[in-house]
C-alpha atoms as a PDB file:
ATOM      1  CA  MET A   1       0.000   0.000   0.000  1.00  0.00           C
ATOM      2  CA  LYS A   2       3.007   2.272  -0.223  1.00  0.00           C
ATOM      3  CA  ASN A   3       2.912   4.882  -2.927  1.00  0.00           C
ATOM      4  CA  ASN A   4       5.862   6.756  -4.387  1.00  0.00           C
ATOM      5  CA  PHE A   5       3.747   9.141  -6.435  1.00  0.00           C
ATOM      6  CA  ILE A   6       1.769  10.972  -3.719  1.00  0.00           C
ATOM      7  CA  SER A   7       2.787  12.663  -0.481  1.00  0.00           C
ATOM      8  CA  ARG A   8       2.488  10.865   2.850  1.00  0.00           C
ATOM      9  CA  PRO A   9      -0.358  13.079   4.210  1.00  0.00           C
ATOM     10  CA  VAL A  10      -2.406  12.464   1.067  1.00  0.00           C
ATOM     11  CA  PHE A  11      -1.640   8.744   1.321  1.00  0.00           C
ATOM     12  CA  TYR A  12      -2.940   8.619   4.899  1.00  0.00           C
ATOM     13  CA  ALA A  13      -5.968  10.730   4.005  1.00  0.00           C
ATOM     14  CA  LEU A  14      -6.915   8.303   1.222  1.00  0.00           C
ATOM     15  CA  HIS A  15      -6.772   5.396   3.662  1.00  0.00           C
ATOM     16  CA  VAL A  16      -8.992   7.207   6.174  1.00  0.00           C
ATOM     17  CA  LEU A  17     -11.416   8.119   3.374  1.00  0.00           C
ATOM     18  CA  PHE A  18     -11.567   4.490   2.231  1.00  0.00           C
ATOM     19  CA  TRP A  19     -12.491   3.197   5.686  1.00  0.00           C
ATOM     20  CA  LEU A  20     -15.049   5.980   6.154  1.00  0.00           C
ATOM     21  CA  CYS A  21     -16.671   5.045   2.848  1.00  0.00           C
ATOM     22  CA  TYR A  22     -16.601   1.363   3.791  1.00  0.00           C
ATOM     23  CA  GLY A  23     -18.222   2.165   7.130  1.00  0.00           C
ATOM     24  CA  ALA A  24     -20.894   4.313   5.442  1.00  0.00           C
ATOM     25  CA  ILE A  25     -21.766   1.527   2.999  1.00  0.00           C
ATOM     26  CA  LEU A  26     -21.886  -0.973   5.859  1.00  0.00           C
ATOM     27  CA  TYR A  27     -24.118   1.336   7.915  1.00  0.00           C
ATOM     28  CA  ALA A  28     -26.540   1.752   5.003  1.00  0.00           C
ATOM     29  CA  SER A  29     -26.776  -2.008   4.442  1.00  0.00           C
ATOM     30  CA  LEU A  30     -27.234  -2.865   8.156  1.00  0.00           C
ATOM     31  CA  SER A  31     -29.917  -0.208   8.705  1.00  0.00           C
ATOM     32  CA  ASN A  32     -32.272  -2.238   6.511  1.00  0.00           C
ATOM     33  CA  TRP A  33     -32.489  -5.152   8.978  1.00  0.00           C
ATOM     34  CA  ILE A  34     -31.267  -3.776  12.349  1.00  0.00           C
ATOM     35  CA  ASN A  35     -33.606  -1.346  14.109  1.00  0.00           C
ATOM     36  CA  SER A  36     -31.354  -0.251  16.950  1.00  0.00           C
ATOM     37  CA  SER A  37     -29.032   2.595  16.033  1.00  0.00           C
ATOM     38  CA  GLY A  38     -26.627   1.547  18.811  1.00  0.00           C
ATOM     39  CA  GLU A  39     -26.344  -1.970  17.419  1.00  0.00           C
ATOM     40  CA  ILE A  40     -25.720  -0.629  13.923  1.00  0.00           C
ATOM     41  CA  TRP A  41     -22.927   1.655  15.087  1.00  0.00           C
ATOM     42  CA  GLY A  42     -21.427  -1.142  17.165  1.00  0.00           C
ATOM     43  CA  ALA A  43     -21.430  -3.474  14.188  1.00  0.00           C
ATOM     44  CA  VAL A  44     -19.970  -0.832  11.859  1.00  0.00           C
ATOM     45  CA  ILE A  45     -17.195   0.243  14.235  1.00  0.00           C
ATOM     46  CA  SER A  46     -16.246  -3.324  15.141  1.00  0.00           C
ATOM     47  CA  ASP A  47     -16.233  -4.358  11.466  1.00  0.00           C
ATOM     48  CA  VAL A  48     -14.051  -1.408  10.414  1.00  0.00           C
ATOM     49  CA  LEU A  49     -11.616  -1.956  13.293  1.00  0.00           C
ATOM     50  CA  THR A  50     -11.257  -5.699  12.753  1.00  0.00           C
ATOM     51  CA  SER A  51     -11.084  -5.462   8.945  1.00  0.00           C
ATOM     52  CA  SER A  52      -8.465  -2.695   9.009  1.00  0.00           C
ATOM     53  CA  SER A  53      -6.453  -4.593  11.638  1.00  0.00           C
ATOM     54  CA  ILE A  54      -6.408  -7.710   9.466  1.00  0.00           C
ATOM     55  CA  ALA A  55      -5.489  -5.670   6.366  1.00  0.00           C
ATOM     56  CA  TYR A  56      -2.586  -3.744   7.867  1.00  0.00           C
ATOM     57  CA  LEU A  57      -1.188  -6.599   9.946  1.00  0.00           C
ATOM     58  CA  ASN A  58      -1.145  -8.837   6.871  1.00  0.00           C
ATOM     59  CA  TYR A  59       0.274  -6.214   4.490  1.00  0.00           C
ATOM     60  CA  TYR A  60       2.863  -4.557   6.705  1.00  0.00           C
ATOM     61  CA  LEU A  61       3.835  -7.359   9.107  1.00  0.00           C
ATOM     62  CA  LEU A  62       3.032 -10.920   8.036  1.00  0.00           C
ATOM     63  CA  LEU A  63       3.775 -10.728   4.312  1.00  0.00           C
ATOM     64  CA  PRO A  64       7.040  -8.717   4.421  1.00  0.00           C
ATOM     65  CA  LYS A  65       8.414 -10.220   7.662  1.00  0.00           C
ATOM     66  CA  LEU A  66       7.497 -13.865   7.069  1.00  0.00           C
ATOM     67  CA  TYR A  67       6.387 -14.674   3.527  1.00  0.00           C
ATOM     68  CA  LYS A  68       8.936 -12.469   1.755  1.00  0.00           C
ATOM     69  CA  LYS A  69      11.748 -14.070   3.781  1.00  0.00           C
ATOM     70  CA  GLY A  70      10.650 -17.575   2.794  1.00  0.00           C
ATOM     71  CA  LYS A  71       9.079 -18.489   6.129  1.00  0.00           C
ATOM     72  CA  TYR A  72       5.958 -19.903   4.504  1.00  0.00           C
ATOM     73  CA  THR A  73       4.871 -22.237   7.309  1.00  0.00           C
ATOM     74  CA  GLY A  74       5.293 -19.451   9.838  1.00  0.00           C
ATOM     75  CA  TYR A  75       3.299 -17.122   7.608  1.00  0.00           C
ATOM     76  CA  ILE A  76       0.378 -19.566   7.307  1.00  0.00           C
ATOM     77  CA  LEU A  77       0.292 -20.264  11.045  1.00  0.00           C
ATOM     78  CA  ALA A  78       0.591 -16.567  11.916  1.00  0.00           C
ATOM     79  CA  SER A  79      -2.166 -15.658   9.444  1.00  0.00           C
ATOM     80  CA  ILE A  80      -4.542 -18.229  10.921  1.00  0.00           C
ATOM     81  CA  ALA A  81      -3.709 -17.063  14.444  1.00  0.00           C
ATOM     82  CA  VAL A  82      -4.284 -13.388  13.607  1.00  0.00           C
ATOM     83  CA  VAL A  83      -7.588 -13.981  11.805  1.00  0.00           C
ATOM     84  CA  VAL A  84      -8.952 -16.335  14.501  1.00  0.00           C
ATOM     85  CA  THR A  85      -7.841 -14.015  17.325  1.00  0.00           C
ATOM     86  CA  ILE A  86      -9.439 -10.934  15.783  1.00  0.00           C
ATOM     87  CA  VAL A  87     -12.700 -12.759  15.006  1.00  0.00           C
ATOM     88  CA  LEU A  88     -12.856 -14.117  18.574  1.00  0.00           C
ATOM     89  CA  LEU A  89     -12.189 -10.678  20.011  1.00  0.00           C
ATOM     90  CA  ARG A  90     -14.914  -9.172  17.880  1.00  0.00           C
ATOM     91  CA  VAL A  91     -17.531 -11.756  18.848  1.00  0.00           C
ATOM     92  CA  ASN A  92     -16.690 -12.208  22.530  1.00  0.00           C
ATOM     93  CA  LEU A  93     -15.342  -8.863  23.712  1.00  0.00           C
ATOM     94  CA  LEU A  94     -17.587  -6.656  21.603  1.00  0.00           C
ATOM     95  CA  GLY A  95     -20.576  -8.958  22.085  1.00  0.00           C
ATOM     96  CA  MET A  96     -21.479  -8.977  18.410  1.00  0.00           C
ATOM     97  CA  THR A  97     -23.774 -12.026  18.377  1.00  0.00           C
ATOM     98  CA  HIS A  98     -26.575 -12.697  15.904  1.00  0.00           C
ATOM     99  CA  ARG A  99     -28.948 -15.647  15.648  1.00  0.00           C
ATOM    100  CA  SER A 100     -26.956 -18.839  16.356  1.00  0.00           C
ATOM    101  CA  VAL A 101     -23.332 -18.978  17.509  1.00  0.00           C
ATOM    102  CA  THR A 102     -22.274 -20.712  14.296  1.00  0.00           C
ATOM    103  CA  TYR A 103     -23.903 -18.070  12.118  1.00  0.00           C
ATOM    104  CA  THR A 104     -22.368 -15.338  14.267  1.00  0.00           C
ATOM    105  CA  TYR A 105     -18.835 -16.636  13.784  1.00  0.00           C
ATOM    106  CA  PHE A 106     -19.433 -17.138  10.072  1.00  0.00           C
ATOM    107  CA  ILE A 107     -20.823 -13.648   9.434  1.00  0.00           C
ATOM    108  CA  ARG A 108     -18.045 -12.024  11.493  1.00  0.00           C
ATOM    109  CA  SER A 109     -15.332 -14.012   9.722  1.00  0.00           C
ATOM    110  CA  VAL A 110     -16.339 -13.023   6.175  1.00  0.00           C
ATOM    111  CA  PRO A 111     -14.960  -9.438   6.278  1.00  0.00           C
ATOM    112  CA  ALA A 112     -11.793 -10.631   8.026  1.00  0.00           C
ATOM    113  CA  PHE A 113     -11.059 -13.281   5.393  1.00  0.00           C
ATOM    114  CA  GLY A 114     -12.110 -10.908   2.628  1.00  0.00           C
ATOM    115  CA  PHE A 115      -9.666  -8.158   3.581  1.00  0.00           C
ATOM    116  CA  TYR A 116      -6.971 -10.742   4.301  1.00  0.00           C
ATOM    117  CA  LEU A 117      -7.256 -12.039   0.716  1.00  0.00           C
ATOM    118  CA  ILE A 118      -7.550  -8.556  -0.801  1.00  0.00           C
ATOM    119  CA  THR A 119      -4.410  -7.253   0.923  1.00  0.00           C
ATOM    120  CA  THR A 120      -2.519 -10.422  -0.035  1.00  0.00           C
ATOM    121  CA  VAL A 121      -3.391  -9.928  -3.723  1.00  0.00           C
ATOM    122  CA  ILE A 122      -2.503  -6.211  -3.544  1.00  0.00           C
ATOM    123  CA  TRP A 123       0.828  -7.013  -1.879  1.00  0.00           C
ATOM    124  CA  PHE A 124       1.755  -9.533  -4.570  1.00  0.00           C
ATOM    125  CA  PHE A 125       0.856  -7.114  -7.364  1.00  0.00           C
ATOM    126  CA  ALA A 126       2.719  -4.254  -5.666  1.00  0.00           C
ATOM    127  CA  ASN A 127       5.830  -6.398  -5.247  1.00  0.00           C
ATOM    128  CA  MET A 128       5.635  -7.626  -8.820  1.00  0.00           C
ATOM    129  CA  ILE A 129       5.414  -4.051 -10.111  1.00  0.00           C
ATOM    130  CA  SER A 130       8.231  -2.975  -7.779  1.00  0.00           C
ATOM    131  CA  ALA A 131      10.428  -5.842  -8.993  1.00  0.00           C
ATOM    132  CA  GLN A 132       9.758  -4.937 -12.619  1.00  0.00           C
ATOM    133  CA  ARG A 133      10.534  -1.288 -11.905  1.00  0.00           C
ATOM    134  CA  LYS A 134      13.806  -2.209 -10.196  1.00  0.00           C
ATOM    135  CA  GLU A 135      14.712  -4.471 -13.097  1.00  0.00           C
ATOM    136  CA  ILE A 136      14.044  -1.644 -15.562  1.00  0.00           C
ATOM    137  CA  GLU A 137      16.067   0.802 -13.438  1.00  0.00           C
ATOM    138  CA  LEU A 138      18.923  -1.696 -13.218  1.00  0.00           C
ATOM    139  CA  ARG A 139      18.810  -2.317 -16.965  1.00  0.00           C
ATOM    140  CA  ASN A 140      18.766   1.427 -17.673  1.00  0.00           C
ATOM    141  CA  SER A 141      21.656   1.916 -15.245  1.00  0.00           C
ATOM    142  CA  GLN A 142      23.625  -0.831 -16.968  1.00  0.00           C
ATOM    143  CA  LEU A 143      22.859   0.640 -20.397  1.00  0.00           C
ATOM    144  CA  ALA A 144      23.890   4.107 -19.226  1.00  0.00           C
ATOM    145  CA  SER A 145      27.127   2.714 -17.780  1.00  0.00           C
ATOM    146  CA  GLU A 146      27.886   0.816 -20.967  1.00  0.00           C
ATOM    147  CA  LEU A 147      27.140   3.858 -23.126  1.00  0.00           C
ATOM    148  CA  LYS A 148      29.370   5.982 -20.919  1.00  0.00           C
ATOM    149  CA  PHE A 149      32.131   3.382 -21.195  1.00  0.00           C
ATOM    150  CA  LEU A 150      31.794   3.325 -24.980  1.00  0.00           C
ATOM    151  CA  LYS A 151      31.942   7.133 -25.084  1.00  0.00           C
ATOM    152  CA  LEU A 152      35.061   7.103 -22.891  1.00  0.00           C
ATOM    153  CA  GLN A 153      36.638   4.727 -25.392  1.00  0.00           C
ATOM    154  CA  LEU A 154      35.598   6.913 -28.315  1.00  0.00           C
ATOM    155  CA  SER A 155      36.750  10.374 -27.222  1.00  0.00           C
ATOM    156  CA  PRO A 156      40.361   9.560 -26.195  1.00  0.00           C
ATOM    157  CA  HIS A 157      40.812   7.600 -29.432  1.00  0.00           C
ATOM    158  CA  PHE A 158      39.687  10.592 -31.480  1.00  0.00           C
ATOM    159  CA  MET A 159      41.763  13.058 -29.439  1.00  0.00           C
ATOM    160  CA  PHE A 160      44.905  10.931 -29.699  1.00  0.00           C
ATOM    161  CA  ASN A 161      44.678  10.782 -33.487  1.00  0.00           C
ATOM    162  CA  THR A 162      43.845  14.463 -33.892  1.00  0.00           C
ATOM    163  CA  LEU A 163      46.589  15.711 -31.563  1.00  0.00           C
ATOM    164  CA  ASN A 164      49.036  13.453 -33.352  1.00  0.00           C
ATOM    165  CA  ASN A 165      48.081  15.085 -36.633  1.00  0.00           C
ATOM    166  CA  ILE A 166      48.370  18.628 -35.248  1.00  0.00           C
ATOM    167  CA  TYR A 167      51.717  17.765 -33.658  1.00  0.00           C
ATOM    168  CA  SER A 168      53.015  16.697 -37.080  1.00  0.00           C
ATOM    169  CA  MET A 169      51.782  19.960 -38.584  1.00  0.00           C
ATOM    170  CA  ALA A 170      53.454  21.984 -35.819  1.00  0.00           C
ATOM    171  CA  TYR A 171      56.678  20.000 -36.080  1.00  0.00           C
ATOM    172  CA  PHE A 172      56.979  20.797 -39.777  1.00  0.00           C
ATOM    173  CA  LYS A 173      55.858  24.399 -39.101  1.00  0.00           C
ATOM    174  CA  GLU A 174      52.940  24.227 -41.487  1.00  0.00           C
ATOM    175  CA  ASP A 175      50.823  27.366 -41.903  1.00  0.00           C
ATOM    176  CA  ASN A 176      47.657  25.353 -41.246  1.00  0.00           C
ATOM    177  CA  THR A 177      48.596  24.576 -37.636  1.00  0.00           C
ATOM    178  CA  ALA A 178      46.770  27.545 -36.067  1.00  0.00           C
ATOM    179  CA  PRO A 179      43.498  26.987 -38.029  1.00  0.00           C
ATOM    180  CA  ALA A 180      43.709  23.294 -37.133  1.00  0.00           C
ATOM    181  CA  ILE A 181      43.950  24.122 -33.425  1.00  0.00           C
ATOM    182  CA  MET A 182      40.950  26.463 -33.755  1.00  0.00           C
ATOM    183  CA  LYS A 183      38.892  23.725 -35.448  1.00  0.00           C
ATOM    184  CA  LEU A 184      39.908  21.274 -32.738  1.00  0.00           C
ATOM    185  CA  SER A 185      38.835  23.789 -30.084  1.00  0.00           C
ATOM    186  CA  GLU A 186      35.359  24.057 -31.632  1.00  0.00           C
ATOM    187  CA  MET A 187      35.098  20.269 -31.814  1.00  0.00           C
ATOM    188  CA  MET A 188      36.190  19.915 -28.181  1.00  0.00           C
ATOM    189  CA  ARG A 189      33.469  22.355 -27.165  1.00  0.00           C
ATOM    190  CA  HIS A 190      30.892  20.174 -28.919  1.00  0.00           C
ATOM    191  CA  MET A 191      32.258  16.986 -27.390  1.00  0.00           C
ATOM    192  CA  LEU A 192      32.379  18.349 -23.844  1.00  0.00           C
ATOM    193  CA  TYR A 193      29.478  20.773 -23.514  1.00  0.00           C
ATOM    194  CA  GLU A 194      26.858  19.385 -25.889  1.00  0.00           C
ATOM    195  CA  ASP A 195      26.838  15.977 -24.238  1.00  0.00           C
ATOM    196  CA  GLN A 196      24.485  16.866 -21.384  1.00  0.00           C
ATOM    197  CA  GLY A 197      22.221  13.961 -22.317  1.00  0.00           C
ATOM    198  CA  ARG A 198      22.167  11.040 -24.679  1.00  0.00           C
ATOM    199  CA  PHE A 199      20.944  13.091 -27.658  1.00  0.00           C
ATOM    200  CA  VAL A 200      22.135  16.361 -29.164  1.00  0.00           C
ATOM    201  CA  SER A 201      20.949  18.672 -31.905  1.00  0.00           C
ATOM    202  CA  LEU A 202      21.514  17.094 -35.312  1.00  0.00           C
ATOM    203  CA  ALA A 203      22.407  20.502 -36.732  1.00  0.00           C
ATOM    204  CA  LYS A 204      25.231  20.831 -34.174  1.00  0.00           C
ATOM    205  CA  GLU A 205      26.372  17.294 -34.919  1.00  0.00           C
ATOM    206  CA  ILE A 206      26.566  18.233 -38.612  1.00  0.00           C
ATOM    207  CA  LYS A 207      28.618  21.319 -37.706  1.00  0.00           C
ATOM    208  CA  PHE A 208      30.964  19.016 -35.789  1.00  0.00           C
ATOM    209  CA  MET A 209      31.270  16.814 -38.874  1.00  0.00           C
ATOM    210  CA  GLU A 210      32.058  19.859 -41.038  1.00  0.00           C
ATOM    211  CA  ASN A 211      34.814  20.915 -38.623  1.00  0.00           C
ATOM    212  CA  PHE A 212      36.143  17.370 -38.654  1.00  0.00           C
ATOM    213  CA  ILE A 213      36.298  17.406 -42.460  1.00  0.00           C
ATOM    214  CA  GLU A 214      37.978  20.823 -42.537  1.00  0.00           C
ATOM    215  CA  LEU A 215      40.530  19.675 -39.971  1.00  0.00           C
ATOM    216  CA  TRP A 216      41.463  16.747 -42.162  1.00  0.00           C
ATOM    217  CA  ARG A 217      41.587  18.946 -45.256  1.00  0.00           C
ATOM    218  CA  LEU A 218      44.261  21.053 -43.525  1.00  0.00           C
ATOM    219  CA  LYS A 219      46.537  18.123 -42.729  1.00  0.00           C
ATOM    220  CA  LEU A 220      46.142  15.734 -45.652  1.00  0.00           C
ATOM    221  CA  ASP A 221      49.238  15.426 -47.787  1.00  0.00           C
ATOM    222  CA  GLU A 222      47.328  13.657 -50.502  1.00  0.00           C
ATOM    223  CA  LYS A 223      44.182  15.512 -51.461  1.00  0.00           C
ATOM    224  CA  PRO A 224      41.222  13.237 -52.118  1.00  0.00           C
ATOM    225  CA  THR A 225      37.987  14.745 -53.383  1.00  0.00           C
ATOM    226  CA  ILE A 226      35.698  15.288 -50.383  1.00  0.00           C
ATOM    227  CA  GLU A 227      31.958  15.716 -50.869  1.00  0.00           C
ATOM    228  CA  PHE A 228      29.592  16.360 -47.975  1.00  0.00           C
ATOM    229  CA  SER A 229      25.912  17.172 -48.331  1.00  0.00           C
ATOM    230  CA  HIS A 230      22.871  17.132 -46.063  1.00  0.00           C
ATOM    231  CA  GLU A 231      19.190  17.909 -46.514  1.00  0.00           C
ATOM    232  CA  GLY A 232      15.916  17.727 -44.637  1.00  0.00           C
ATOM    233  CA  VAL A 233      17.458  18.619 -41.275  1.00  0.00           C
ATOM    234  CA  LYS A 234      15.114  20.526 -38.939  1.00  0.00           C
ATOM    235  CA  ASP A 235      15.647  22.145 -35.548  1.00  0.00           C
ATOM    236  CA  ARG A 236      13.604  19.391 -33.862  1.00  0.00           C
ATOM    237  CA  HIS A 237      15.876  16.599 -35.053  1.00  0.00           C
ATOM    238  CA  ARG A 238      18.173  15.117 -32.433  1.00  0.00           C
ATOM    239  CA  ILE A 239      20.729  12.347 -32.715  1.00  0.00           C
ATOM    240  CA  ALA A 240      22.975  10.251 -30.480  1.00  0.00           C
ATOM    241  CA  HIS A 241      26.072  12.240 -29.639  1.00  0.00           C
ATOM    242  CA  LEU A 242      29.083  11.547 -31.948  1.00  0.00           C
ATOM    243  CA  ILE A 243      27.347   8.559 -33.527  1.00  0.00           C
ATOM    244  CA  PHE A 244      28.939   9.314 -36.934  1.00  0.00           C
ATOM    245  CA  LEU A 245      32.479   9.948 -35.675  1.00  0.00           C
ATOM    246  CA  VAL A 246      33.797   6.403 -36.146  1.00  0.00           C
ATOM    247  CA  PHE A 247      32.550   6.309 -39.735  1.00  0.00           C
ATOM    248  CA  LEU A 248      34.235   9.647 -40.480  1.00  0.00           C
ATOM    249  CA  GLU A 249      37.518   8.586 -38.912  1.00  0.00           C
ATOM    250  CA  ASN A 250      37.417   5.318 -40.801  1.00  0.00           C
ATOM    251  CA  ALA A 251      36.743   7.028 -44.133  1.00  0.00           C
ATOM    252  CA  PHE A 252      39.536   9.571 -43.778  1.00  0.00           C
ATOM    253  CA  LYS A 253      41.988   7.056 -42.394  1.00  0.00           C
ATOM    254  CA  HIS A 254      41.520   4.696 -45.331  1.00  0.00           C
ATOM    255  CA  GLY A 255      40.523   7.264 -47.944  1.00  0.00           C
ATOM    256  CA  ASN A 256      43.712   9.348 -47.791  1.00  0.00           C
ATOM    257  CA  THR A 257      44.757   8.409 -51.318  1.00  0.00           C
ATOM    258  CA  MET A 258      45.819  10.489 -54.282  1.00  0.00           C
ATOM    259  CA  ASP A 259      42.891  11.101 -56.644  1.00  0.00           C
ATOM    260  CA  GLY A 260      40.657   9.240 -54.207  1.00  0.00           C
ATOM    261  CA  ARG A 261      37.121  10.273 -53.302  1.00  0.00           C
ATOM    262  CA  ILE A 262      35.216  10.501 -50.027  1.00  0.00           C
ATOM    263  CA  ALA A 263      31.461  11.007 -50.371  1.00  0.00           C
ATOM    264  CA  ILE A 264      29.263  11.749 -47.367  1.00  0.00           C
ATOM    265  CA  LYS A 265      25.518  12.307 -47.573  1.00  0.00           C
ATOM    266  CA  LEU A 266      22.945  12.760 -44.825  1.00  0.00           C
ATOM    267  CA  THR A 267      19.230  12.940 -45.640  1.00  0.00           C
ATOM    268  CA  ILE A 268      16.057  13.004 -43.552  1.00  0.00           C
ATOM    269  CA  ASP A 269      12.741  12.174 -45.220  1.00  0.00           C
ATOM    270  CA  LYS A 270       9.245  13.400 -44.345  1.00  0.00           C
ATOM    271  CA  GLU A 271       8.775  10.528 -41.883  1.00  0.00           C
ATOM    272  CA  ASP A 272      11.793  11.675 -39.835  1.00  0.00           C
ATOM    273  CA  VAL A 273      13.891   8.725 -40.982  1.00  0.00           C
ATOM    274  CA  LEU A 274      17.595   9.534 -41.276  1.00  0.00           C
ATOM    275  CA  TYR A 275      19.735   8.060 -44.049  1.00  0.00           C
ATOM    276  CA  PHE A 276      23.491   8.379 -43.663  1.00  0.00           C
ATOM    277  CA  TYR A 277      25.801   7.312 -46.489  1.00  0.00           C
ATOM    278  CA  ILE A 278      29.570   7.465 -46.580  1.00  0.00           C
ATOM    279  CA  ARG A 279      31.912   5.973 -49.164  1.00  0.00           C
ATOM    280  CA  ASN A 280      35.684   6.128 -49.455  1.00  0.00           C
ATOM    281  CA  ASP A 281      38.240   4.692 -51.857  1.00  0.00           C
ATOM    282  CA  VAL A 282      40.816   2.370 -50.308  1.00  0.00           C
ATOM    283  CA  LEU A 283      44.172   1.009 -51.448  1.00  0.00           C
ATOM    284  CA  LYS A 284      43.981  -2.578 -52.651  1.00  0.00           C
ATOM    285  CA  ALA A 285      47.053  -3.501 -50.630  1.00  0.00           C
ATOM    286  CA  ARG A 286      45.424  -2.551 -47.340  1.00  0.00           C
ATOM    287  CA  LYS A 287      43.366  -4.798 -45.122  1.00  0.00           C
ATOM    288  CA  THR A 288      39.627  -4.330 -45.218  1.00  0.00           C
ATOM    289  CA  ALA A 289      38.282  -1.296 -43.361  1.00  0.00           C
ATOM    290  CA  GLU A 290      36.461  -3.523 -40.920  1.00  0.00           C
ATOM    291  CA  GLU A 291      39.651  -5.407 -40.079  1.00  0.00           C
ATOM    292  CA  GLU A 292      41.667  -2.239 -39.457  1.00  0.00           C
ATOM    293  CA  SER A 293      38.871  -0.446 -37.602  1.00  0.00           C
ATOM    294  CA  GLY A 294      37.385  -3.410 -35.777  1.00  0.00           C
ATOM    295  CA  VAL A 295      37.283  -1.791 -32.323  1.00  0.00           C
ATOM    296  CA  GLY A 296      35.747   1.458 -33.557  1.00  0.00           C
ATOM    297  CA  LEU A 297      33.095  -0.193 -35.710  1.00  0.00           C
ATOM    298  CA  SER A 298      32.277  -2.693 -32.974  1.00  0.00           C
ATOM    299  CA  ASN A 299      31.920   0.261 -30.591  1.00  0.00           C
ATOM    300  CA  VAL A 300      29.447   2.133 -32.805  1.00  0.00           C
ATOM    301  CA  LYS A 301      27.430  -1.043 -33.481  1.00  0.00           C
ATOM    302  CA  LYS A 302      26.995  -1.529 -29.729  1.00  0.00           C
ATOM    303  CA  ARG A 303      25.960   2.094 -29.273  1.00  0.00           C
ATOM    304  CA  LEU A 304      23.395   1.822 -32.059  1.00  0.00           C
ATOM    305  CA  ASN A 305      21.954  -1.356 -30.551  1.00  0.00           C
ATOM    306  CA  LEU A 306      21.702   0.269 -27.119  1.00  0.00           C
ATOM    307  CA  ILE A 307      20.303   3.632 -28.217  1.00  0.00           C
ATOM    308  CA  TYR A 308      18.189   2.635 -31.235  1.00  0.00           C
ATOM    309  CA  PRO A 309      17.083  -0.967 -30.613  1.00  0.00           C
ATOM    310  CA  GLY A 310      14.854  -2.063 -33.481  1.00  0.00           C
ATOM    311  CA  LYS A 311      14.967   1.437 -34.994  1.00  0.00           C
ATOM    312  CA  HIS A 312      18.101   1.324 -37.108  1.00  0.00           C
ATOM    313  CA  GLU A 313      19.735  -0.582 -39.953  1.00  0.00           C
ATOM    314  CA  LEU A 314      23.480  -0.599 -40.567  1.00  0.00           C
ATOM    315  CA  VAL A 315      25.004  -2.085 -43.724  1.00  0.00           C
ATOM    316  CA  LEU A 316      28.777  -2.118 -44.294  1.00  0.00           C
ATOM    317  CA  ASP A 317      29.932  -2.984 -47.802  1.00  0.00           C
ATOM    318  CA  GLN A 318      33.582  -3.690 -48.583  1.00  0.00           C
ATOM    319  CA  THR A 319      34.673  -4.015 -52.227  1.00  0.00           C
ATOM    320  CA  THR A 320      38.087  -4.260 -53.832  1.00  0.00           C
ATOM    321  CA  GLY A 321      38.648  -0.535 -53.971  1.00  0.00           C
ATOM    322  CA  SER A 322      36.036   1.052 -51.728  1.00  0.00           C
ATOM    323  CA  PHE A 323      34.227   0.869 -48.414  1.00  0.00           C
ATOM    324  CA  GLU A 324      30.609   1.989 -47.962  1.00  0.00           C
ATOM    325  CA  VAL A 325      28.430   2.630 -44.952  1.00  0.00           C
ATOM    326  CA  ASN A 326      24.642   2.829 -45.178  1.00  0.00           C
ATOM    327  CA  LEU A 327      22.939   3.737 -41.925  1.00  0.00           C
ATOM    328  CA  LYS A 328      19.220   4.200 -41.456  1.00  0.00           C
ATOM    329  CA  ILE A 329      17.785   5.545 -38.171  1.00  0.00           C
ATOM    330  CA  ASP A 330      14.164   6.230 -37.267  1.00  0.00           C
ATOM    331  CA  LEU A 331      14.354   9.508 -35.304  1.00  0.00           C
ATOM    332  CA  LYS A 332      10.722   9.454 -34.152  1.00  0.00           C
END
């Protein structure tokens, strides 16, 4: 009978209101065949007291202290003892007799058994719901921890590669070093301050991708043709933070070839379904992109399965001279 959604005073008030309503209904039913007002009130008060005693003793004492701890025999014996004791007290101490003794005990036992069964059913349902809620909370906690772990793997990997590239540019005193540091600063801001939740603005994620591309343009010795286009993006669209980063890194790592081509396209249709396509040329002598980027691609697959279960499709296609990624995500 505990409730996590209402305040304690309201919770108590609802219980008092329930027993008042029960007493009123009982009074109305008894007034049809009992003439004495004193007898009616005695029956109502004794019924409410005994029924509420059975209900609360069973729910707050017997079930959690005995049944929940596996003491089933003790629970059955204690339940019988409590019900019998309360019925005897009601009949003998309160003098609530009617017709024969047998009928008296029967009629006084019905409410006691009724509320005993009702509170037992409520307790089982409440515990079942509580167990399911705890399981969901635990699963969500595990998913959040795993996502955080995957993100911790992702960011240092990206930073290590990028700082390595900028170090090379600085070492050879290239003119592009300062612009590269500025682009990295903007990307760091996105990585650190936009990740307040699981999802970020898609428009900001696209800006991050543009900075990533420009950063690579500054450092590439060989100059592949880079094409990046996007359409259908609205302010309401949100996406998992840095979900495209592994694909970008993979494309530029393996697509850094003379006269090569890197094509990136992001489209959102009228049904808010996102289509992400990226293709890069690769050298025939190299291993496949999946073999060389196994950890990164495995990472992003796990993230997609955790964040978009049943709402995404990822197809990786390796050919002799190219590697393609086709990703479809339902953003609704």
